[in-house]
């Protein structure tokens, strides 16, 4: 069991590194949109009891709100 957790930790660290590097060239508005979509997806999933429609709806609403918060000047 110890090997599983070690492998899982390395996998999570590698995935985090890759995902964060993918955001390096994004504008502030694009970053805000992505964060909003992620938070909205989690919120939608929690509020809908894990349904796919609730998760997708939450991601759409969160992405839209994140996009509008960081409106370019």
PDB file of N, CA and C in Angstrom:
ATOM      1  N   UNK A   1       0.814  -1.197   0.000  1.00  0.00           N
ATOM      2  CA  UNK A   1       0.000   0.000   0.000  1.00  0.00           C
ATOM      3  C   UNK A   1       0.855   1.256   0.000  1.00  0.00           C
ATOM      4  N   UNK A   2       2.007   1.189   0.623  1.00  0.00           N
ATOM      5  CA  UNK A   2       2.900   2.345   0.688  1.00  0.00           C
ATOM      6  C   UNK A   2       3.340   2.776  -0.715  1.00  0.00           C
ATOM      7  N   UNK A   3       3.583   1.814  -1.596  1.00  0.00           N
ATOM      8  CA  UNK A   3       4.014   2.108  -2.964  1.00  0.00           C
ATOM      9  C   UNK A   3       2.923   2.839  -3.730  1.00  0.00           C
ATOM     10  N   UNK A   4       1.674   2.471  -3.488  1.00  0.00           N
ATOM     11  CA  UNK A   4       0.561   3.134  -4.158  1.00  0.00           C
ATOM     12  C   UNK A   4       0.529   4.614  -3.815  1.00  0.00           C
ATOM     13  N   UNK A   5       0.651   4.959  -2.555  1.00  0.00           N
ATOM     14  CA  UNK A   5       0.592   6.363  -2.154  1.00  0.00           C
ATOM     15  C   UNK A   5       1.783   7.150  -2.680  1.00  0.00           C
ATOM     16  N   UNK A   6       2.935   6.517  -2.714  1.00  0.00           N
ATOM     17  CA  UNK A   6       4.122   7.181  -3.252  1.00  0.00           C
ATOM     18  C   UNK A   6       3.938   7.461  -4.745  1.00  0.00           C
ATOM     19  N   UNK A   7       3.440   6.495  -5.475  1.00  0.00           N
ATOM     20  CA  UNK A   7       3.179   6.661  -6.905  1.00  0.00           C
ATOM     21  C   UNK A   7       2.111   7.723  -7.134  1.00  0.00           C
ATOM     22  N   UNK A   8       1.087   7.704  -6.314  1.00  0.00           N
ATOM     23  CA  UNK A   8       0.013   8.692  -6.436  1.00  0.00           C
ATOM     24  C   UNK A   8       0.541  10.099  -6.183  1.00  0.00           C
ATOM     25  N   UNK A   9       1.398  10.277  -5.192  1.00  0.00           N
ATOM     26  CA  UNK A   9       1.956  11.592  -4.887  1.00  0.00           C
ATOM     27  C   UNK A   9       2.834  12.100  -6.028  1.00  0.00           C
ATOM     28  N   UNK A  10       3.639  11.220  -6.608  1.00  0.00           N
ATOM     29  CA  UNK A  10       4.481  11.622  -7.745  1.00  0.00           C
ATOM     30  C   UNK A  10       3.615  11.990  -8.945  1.00  0.00           C
ATOM     31  N   UNK A  11       2.574  11.223  -9.189  1.00  0.00           N
ATOM     32  CA  UNK A  11       1.670  11.507 -10.294  1.00  0.00           C
ATOM     33  C   UNK A  11       0.968  12.851 -10.106  1.00  0.00           C
ATOM     34  N   UNK A  12       0.492  13.118  -8.899  1.00  0.00           N
ATOM     35  CA  UNK A  12      -0.178  14.396  -8.622  1.00  0.00           C
ATOM     36  C   UNK A  12       0.789  15.580  -8.781  1.00  0.00           C
ATOM     37  N   UNK A  13       2.008  15.412  -8.307  1.00  0.00           N
ATOM     38  CA  UNK A  13       3.000  16.474  -8.446  1.00  0.00           C
ATOM     39  C   UNK A  13       3.332  16.751  -9.898  1.00  0.00           C
ATOM     40  N   UNK A  14       3.502  15.703 -10.679  1.00  0.00           N
ATOM     41  CA  UNK A  14       3.803  15.864 -12.101  1.00  0.00           C
ATOM     42  C   UNK A  14       2.641  16.515 -12.836  1.00  0.00           C
ATOM     43  N   UNK A  15       1.436  16.078 -12.546  1.00  0.00           N
ATOM     44  CA  UNK A  15       0.255  16.651 -13.184  1.00  0.00           C
ATOM     45  C   UNK A  15       0.102  18.123 -12.829  1.00  0.00           C
ATOM     46  N   UNK A  16       0.332  18.469 -11.584  1.00  0.00           N
ATOM     47  CA  UNK A  16       0.254  19.879 -11.166  1.00  0.00           C
ATOM     48  C   UNK A  16       1.276  20.722 -11.905  1.00  0.00           C
ATOM     49  N   UNK A  17       2.494  20.213 -12.038  1.00  0.00           N
ATOM     50  CA  UNK A  17       3.545  20.931 -12.750  1.00  0.00           C
ATOM     51  C   UNK A  17       3.156  21.176 -14.207  1.00  0.00           C
ATOM     52  N   UNK A  18       2.629  20.159 -14.861  1.00  0.00           N
ATOM     53  CA  UNK A  18       2.244  20.283 -16.266  1.00  0.00           C
ATOM     54  C   UNK A  18       1.092  21.267 -16.418  1.00  0.00           C
ATOM     55  N   UNK A  19       0.098  21.177 -15.559  1.00  0.00           N
ATOM     56  CA  UNK A  19      -1.048  22.072 -15.659  1.00  0.00           C
ATOM     57  C   UNK A  19      -0.668  23.522 -15.372  1.00  0.00           C
ATOM     58  N   UNK A  20       0.183  23.745 -14.395  1.00  0.00           N
ATOM     59  CA  UNK A  20       0.598  25.110 -14.087  1.00  0.00           C
ATOM     60  C   UNK A  20       1.474  25.695 -15.187  1.00  0.00           C
ATOM     61  N   UNK A  21       2.284  24.896 -15.824  1.00  0.00           N
ATOM     62  CA  UNK A  21       3.079  25.379 -16.945  1.00  0.00           C
ATOM     63  C   UNK A  21       2.197  25.752 -18.120  1.00  0.00           C
ATOM     64  N   UNK A  22       1.100  25.078 -18.286  1.00  0.00           N
ATOM     65  CA  UNK A  22       0.171  25.395 -19.360  1.00  0.00           C
ATOM     66  C   UNK A  22      -0.481  26.755 -19.195  1.00  0.00           C
ATOM     67  N   UNK A  23      -0.516  27.262 -17.985  1.00  0.00           N
ATOM     68  CA  UNK A  23      -1.127  28.564 -17.714  1.00  0.00           C
ATOM     69  C   UNK A  23      -0.132  29.716 -17.805  1.00  0.00           C
ATOM     70  N   UNK A  24       1.130  29.418 -18.061  1.00  0.00           N
ATOM     71  CA  UNK A  24       2.168  30.446 -18.026  1.00  0.00           C
ATOM     72  C   UNK A  24       1.936  31.547 -19.065  1.00  0.00           C
ATOM     73  N   UNK A  25       1.445  31.207 -20.232  1.00  0.00           N
ATOM     74  CA  UNK A  25       1.263  32.202 -21.289  1.00  0.00           C
ATOM     75  C   UNK A  25      -0.128  32.811 -21.341  1.00  0.00           C
ATOM     76  N   UNK A  26      -0.947  32.532 -20.349  1.00  0.00           N
ATOM     77  CA  UNK A  26      -2.324  33.032 -20.360  1.00  0.00           C
ATOM     78  C   UNK A  26      -2.396  34.459 -19.838  1.00  0.00           C
ATOM     79  N   UNK A  27      -3.361  35.211 -20.374  1.00  0.00           N
ATOM     80  CA  UNK A  27      -3.610  36.554 -19.847  1.00  0.00           C
ATOM     81  C   UNK A  27      -4.339  36.438 -18.512  1.00  0.00           C
ATOM     82  N   UNK A  28      -4.433  37.543 -17.793  1.00  0.00           N
ATOM     83  CA  UNK A  28      -5.142  37.531 -16.501  1.00  0.00           C
ATOM     84  C   UNK A  28      -6.602  37.150 -16.692  1.00  0.00           C
ATOM     85  N   UNK A  29      -7.216  37.611 -17.788  1.00  0.00           N
ATOM     86  CA  UNK A  29      -8.618  37.286 -18.027  1.00  0.00           C
ATOM     87  C   UNK A  29      -8.793  35.801 -18.316  1.00  0.00           C
ATOM     88  N   UNK A  30      -7.870  35.205 -19.068  1.00  0.00           N
ATOM     89  CA  UNK A  30      -7.949  33.775 -19.352  1.00  0.00           C
ATOM     90  C   UNK A  30      -7.745  32.944 -18.089  1.00  0.00           C
ATOM     91  N   UNK A  31      -6.826  33.370 -17.238  1.00  0.00           N
ATOM     92  CA  UNK A  31      -6.616  32.665 -15.972  1.00  0.00           C
ATOM     93  C   UNK A  31      -7.859  32.743 -15.094  1.00  0.00           C
ATOM     94  N   UNK A  32      -8.457  33.921 -15.042  1.00  0.00           N
ATOM     95  CA  UNK A  32      -9.657  34.111 -14.233  1.00  0.00           C
ATOM     96  C   UNK A  32     -10.811  33.250 -14.759  1.00  0.00           C
ATOM     97  N   UNK A  33     -10.924  33.139 -16.071  1.00  0.00           N
ATOM     98  CA  UNK A  33     -11.962  32.306 -16.676  1.00  0.00           C
ATOM     99  C   UNK A  33     -11.755  30.838 -16.306  1.00  0.00           C
ATOM    100  N   UNK A  34     -10.511  30.365 -16.395  1.00  0.00           N
ATOM    101  CA  UNK A  34     -10.216  28.968 -16.063  1.00  0.00           C
ATOM    102  C   UNK A  34     -10.473  28.677 -14.591  1.00  0.00           C
ATOM    103  N   UNK A  35     -10.073  29.588 -13.726  1.00  0.00           N
ATOM    104  CA  UNK A  35     -10.305  29.406 -12.286  1.00  0.00           C
ATOM    105  C   UNK A  35     -11.800  29.402 -11.999  1.00  0.00           C
ATOM    106  N   UNK A  36     -12.530  30.331 -12.605  1.00  0.00           N
ATOM    107  CA  UNK A  36     -13.976  30.390 -12.409  1.00  0.00           C
ATOM    108  C   UNK A  36     -14.669  29.123 -12.872  1.00  0.00           C
ATOM    109  N   UNK A  37     -14.225  28.578 -13.995  1.00  0.00           N
ATOM    110  CA  UNK A  37     -14.824  27.345 -14.505  1.00  0.00           C
ATOM    111  C   UNK A  37     -14.550  26.176 -13.553  1.00  0.00           C
ATOM    112  N   UNK A  38     -13.338  26.113 -13.027  1.00  0.00           N
ATOM    113  CA  UNK A  38     -13.003  25.041 -12.088  1.00  0.00           C
ATOM    114  C   UNK A  38     -13.801  25.127 -10.807  1.00  0.00           C
ATOM    115  N   UNK A  39     -13.868  26.322 -10.250  1.00  0.00           N
ATOM    116  CA  UNK A  39     -14.625  26.516  -9.007  1.00  0.00           C
ATOM    117  C   UNK A  39     -16.115  26.274  -9.252  1.00  0.00           C
ATOM    118  N   UNK A  40     -16.611  26.748 -10.388  1.00  0.00           N
ATOM    119  CA  UNK A  40     -18.019  26.534 -10.721  1.00  0.00           C
ATOM    120  C   UNK A  40     -18.360  25.067 -10.903  1.00  0.00           C
ATOM    121  N   UNK A  41     -17.445  24.313 -11.511  1.00  0.00           N
ATOM    122  CA  UNK A  41     -17.680  22.876 -11.701  1.00  0.00           C
ATOM    123  C   UNK A  41     -17.773  22.154 -10.365  1.00  0.00           C
ATOM    124  N   UNK A  42     -16.883  22.499  -9.451  1.00  0.00           N
ATOM    125  CA  UNK A  42     -16.926  21.878  -8.119  1.00  0.00           C
ATOM    126  C   UNK A  42     -18.210  22.272  -7.399  1.00  0.00           C
ATOM    127  N   UNK A  43     -18.546  23.552  -7.442  1.00  0.00           N
ATOM    128  CA  UNK A  43     -19.775  24.019  -6.788  1.00  0.00           C
ATOM    129  C   UNK A  43     -21.016  23.391  -7.384  1.00  0.00           C
ATOM    130  N   UNK A  44     -21.067  23.316  -8.713  1.00  0.00           N
ATOM    131  CA  UNK A  44     -22.215  22.702  -9.376  1.00  0.00           C
ATOM    132  C   UNK A  44     -22.349  21.235  -9.051  1.00  0.00           C
ATOM    133  N   UNK A  45     -21.207  20.568  -8.945  1.00  0.00           N
ATOM    134  CA  UNK A  45     -21.228  19.147  -8.596  1.00  0.00           C
ATOM    135  C   UNK A  45     -21.737  18.935  -7.176  1.00  0.00           C
ATOM    136  N   UNK A  46     -21.291  19.767  -6.268  1.00  0.00           N
ATOM    137  CA  UNK A  46     -21.727  19.653  -4.873  1.00  0.00           C
ATOM    138  C   UNK A  46     -23.216  19.951  -4.742  1.00  0.00           C
ATOM    139  N   UNK A  47     -23.662  21.030  -5.383  1.00  0.00           N
ATOM    140  CA  UNK A  47     -25.068  21.431  -5.258  1.00  0.00           C
ATOM    141  C   UNK A  47     -26.026  20.451  -5.930  1.00  0.00           C
ATOM    142  N   UNK A  48     -25.561  19.778  -6.993  1.00  0.00           N
ATOM    143  CA  UNK A  48     -26.447  18.866  -7.718  1.00  0.00           C
ATOM    144  C   UNK A  48     -26.281  17.413  -7.299  1.00  0.00           C
ATOM    145  N   UNK A  49     -25.450  17.163  -6.310  1.00  0.00           N
ATOM    146  CA  UNK A  49     -25.242  15.792  -5.863  1.00  0.00           C
ATOM    147  C   UNK A  49     -24.382  14.979  -6.809  1.00  0.00           C
ATOM    148  N   UNK A  50     -23.562  15.636  -7.616  1.00  0.00           N
ATOM    149  CA  UNK A  50     -22.641  14.934  -8.497  1.00  0.00           C
ATOM    150  C   UNK A  50     -23.152  14.680  -9.895  1.00  0.00           C
ATOM    151  N   UNK A  51     -24.255  15.292 -10.276  1.00  0.00           N
ATOM    152  CA  UNK A  51     -24.772  15.050 -11.624  1.00  0.00           C
ATOM    153  C   UNK A  51     -23.904  15.750 -12.664  1.00  0.00           C
ATOM    154  N   UNK A  52     -23.831  15.163 -13.845  1.00  0.00           N
ATOM    155  CA  UNK A  52     -23.028  15.735 -14.927  1.00  0.00           C
ATOM    156  C   UNK A  52     -23.582  17.085 -15.370  1.00  0.00           C
ATOM    157  N   UNK A  53     -24.898  17.206 -15.432  1.00  0.00           N
ATOM    158  CA  UNK A  53     -25.511  18.462 -15.861  1.00  0.00           C
ATOM    159  C   UNK A  53     -25.203  19.587 -14.873  1.00  0.00           C
ATOM    160  N   UNK A  54     -25.261  19.289 -13.594  1.00  0.00           N
ATOM    161  CA  UNK A  54     -24.943  20.292 -12.582  1.00  0.00           C
ATOM    162  C   UNK A  54     -23.488  20.722 -12.635  1.00  0.00           C
ATOM    163  N   UNK A  55     -22.599  19.760 -12.874  1.00  0.00           N
ATOM    164  CA  UNK A  55     -21.175  20.061 -12.969  1.00  0.00           C
ATOM    165  C   UNK A  55     -20.885  20.927 -14.189  1.00  0.00           C
ATOM    166  N   UNK A  56     -21.442  20.549 -15.334  1.00  0.00           N
ATOM    167  CA  UNK A  56     -21.228  21.333 -16.554  1.00  0.00           C
ATOM    168  C   UNK A  56     -21.870  22.716 -16.463  1.00  0.00           C
ATOM    169  N   UNK A  57     -23.051  22.777 -15.880  1.00  0.00           N
ATOM    170  CA  UNK A  57     -23.705  24.069 -15.691  1.00  0.00           C
ATOM    171  C   UNK A  57     -22.914  24.974 -14.774  1.00  0.00           C
ATOM    172  N   UNK A  58     -22.409  24.419 -13.693  1.00  0.00           N
ATOM    173  CA  UNK A  58     -21.582  25.198 -12.771  1.00  0.00           C
ATOM    174  C   UNK A  58     -20.312  25.683 -13.438  1.00  0.00           C
ATOM    175  N   UNK A  59     -19.687  24.844 -14.265  1.00  0.00           N
ATOM    176  CA  UNK A  59     -18.475  25.240 -14.976  1.00  0.00           C
ATOM    177  C   UNK A  59     -18.769  26.369 -15.953  1.00  0.00           C
ATOM    178  N   UNK A  60     -19.901  26.290 -16.634  1.00  0.00           N
ATOM    179  CA  UNK A  60     -20.265  27.333 -17.592  1.00  0.00           C
ATOM    180  C   UNK A  60     -20.516  28.665 -16.887  1.00  0.00           C
ATOM    181  N   UNK A  61     -21.270  28.626 -15.818  1.00  0.00           N
ATOM    182  CA  UNK A  61     -21.569  29.861 -15.078  1.00  0.00           C
ATOM    183  C   UNK A  61     -20.303  30.424 -14.435  1.00  0.00           C
ATOM    184  N   UNK A  62     -19.495  29.568 -13.833  1.00  0.00           N
ATOM    185  CA  UNK A  62     -18.255  30.019 -13.208  1.00  0.00           C
ATOM    186  C   UNK A  62     -17.275  30.585 -14.221  1.00  0.00           C
ATOM    187  N   UNK A  63     -17.169  29.945 -15.382  1.00  0.00           N
ATOM    188  CA  UNK A  63     -16.297  30.462 -16.434  1.00  0.00           C
ATOM    189  C   UNK A  63     -16.748  31.818 -16.933  1.00  0.00           C
ATOM    190  N   UNK A  64     -18.041  31.976 -17.108  1.00  0.00           N
ATOM    191  CA  UNK A  64     -18.574  33.269 -17.549  1.00  0.00           C
ATOM    192  C   UNK A  64     -18.306  34.360 -16.509  1.00  0.00           C
ATOM    193  N   UNK A  65     -18.572  34.063 -15.248  1.00  0.00           N
ATOM    194  CA  UNK A  65     -18.335  35.055 -14.197  1.00  0.00           C
ATOM    195  C   UNK A  65     -16.854  35.385 -14.061  1.00  0.00           C
ATOM    196  N   UNK A  66     -15.984  34.381 -14.149  1.00  0.00           N
ATOM    197  CA  UNK A  66     -14.560  34.625 -14.092  1.00  0.00           C
ATOM    198  C   UNK A  66     -14.084  35.476 -15.248  1.00  0.00           C
ATOM    199  N   UNK A  67     -14.662  35.265 -16.417  1.00  0.00           N
ATOM    200  CA  UNK A  67     -14.313  36.051 -17.597  1.00  0.00           C
ATOM    201  C   UNK A  67     -14.722  37.505 -17.420  1.00  0.00           C
ATOM    202  N   UNK A  68     -15.888  37.727 -16.869  1.00  0.00           N
ATOM    203  CA  UNK A  68     -16.396  39.093 -16.716  1.00  0.00           C
ATOM    204  C   UNK A  68     -15.727  39.852 -15.584  1.00  0.00           C
ATOM    205  N   UNK A  69     -15.243  39.138 -14.568  1.00  0.00           N
ATOM    206  CA  UNK A  69     -14.587  39.823 -13.447  1.00  0.00           C
ATOM    207  C   UNK A  69     -13.302  40.489 -13.904  1.00  0.00           C
ATOM    208  N   UNK A  70     -12.519  39.805 -14.746  1.00  0.00           N
ATOM    209  CA  UNK A  70     -11.237  40.343 -15.217  1.00  0.00           C
ATOM    210  C   UNK A  70     -11.417  40.925 -16.616  1.00  0.00           C
ATOM    211  N   UNK A  71     -12.368  41.806 -16.795  1.00  0.00           N
ATOM    212  CA  UNK A  71     -12.605  42.452 -18.090  1.00  0.00           C
ATOM    213  C   UNK A  71     -11.408  43.324 -18.454  1.00  0.00           C
ATOM    214  N   UNK A  72     -10.846  43.161 -19.664  1.00  0.00           N
ATOM    215  CA  UNK A  72      -9.682  43.981 -20.014  1.00  0.00           C
ATOM    216  C   UNK A  72     -10.047  45.450 -20.090  1.00  0.00           C
ATOM    217  N   UNK A  73      -9.097  46.270 -19.741  1.00  0.00           N
ATOM    218  CA  UNK A  73      -9.368  47.720 -19.706  1.00  0.00           C
ATOM    219  C   UNK A  73      -9.083  48.373 -21.022  1.00  0.00           C
TER     220      UNK A  73
END
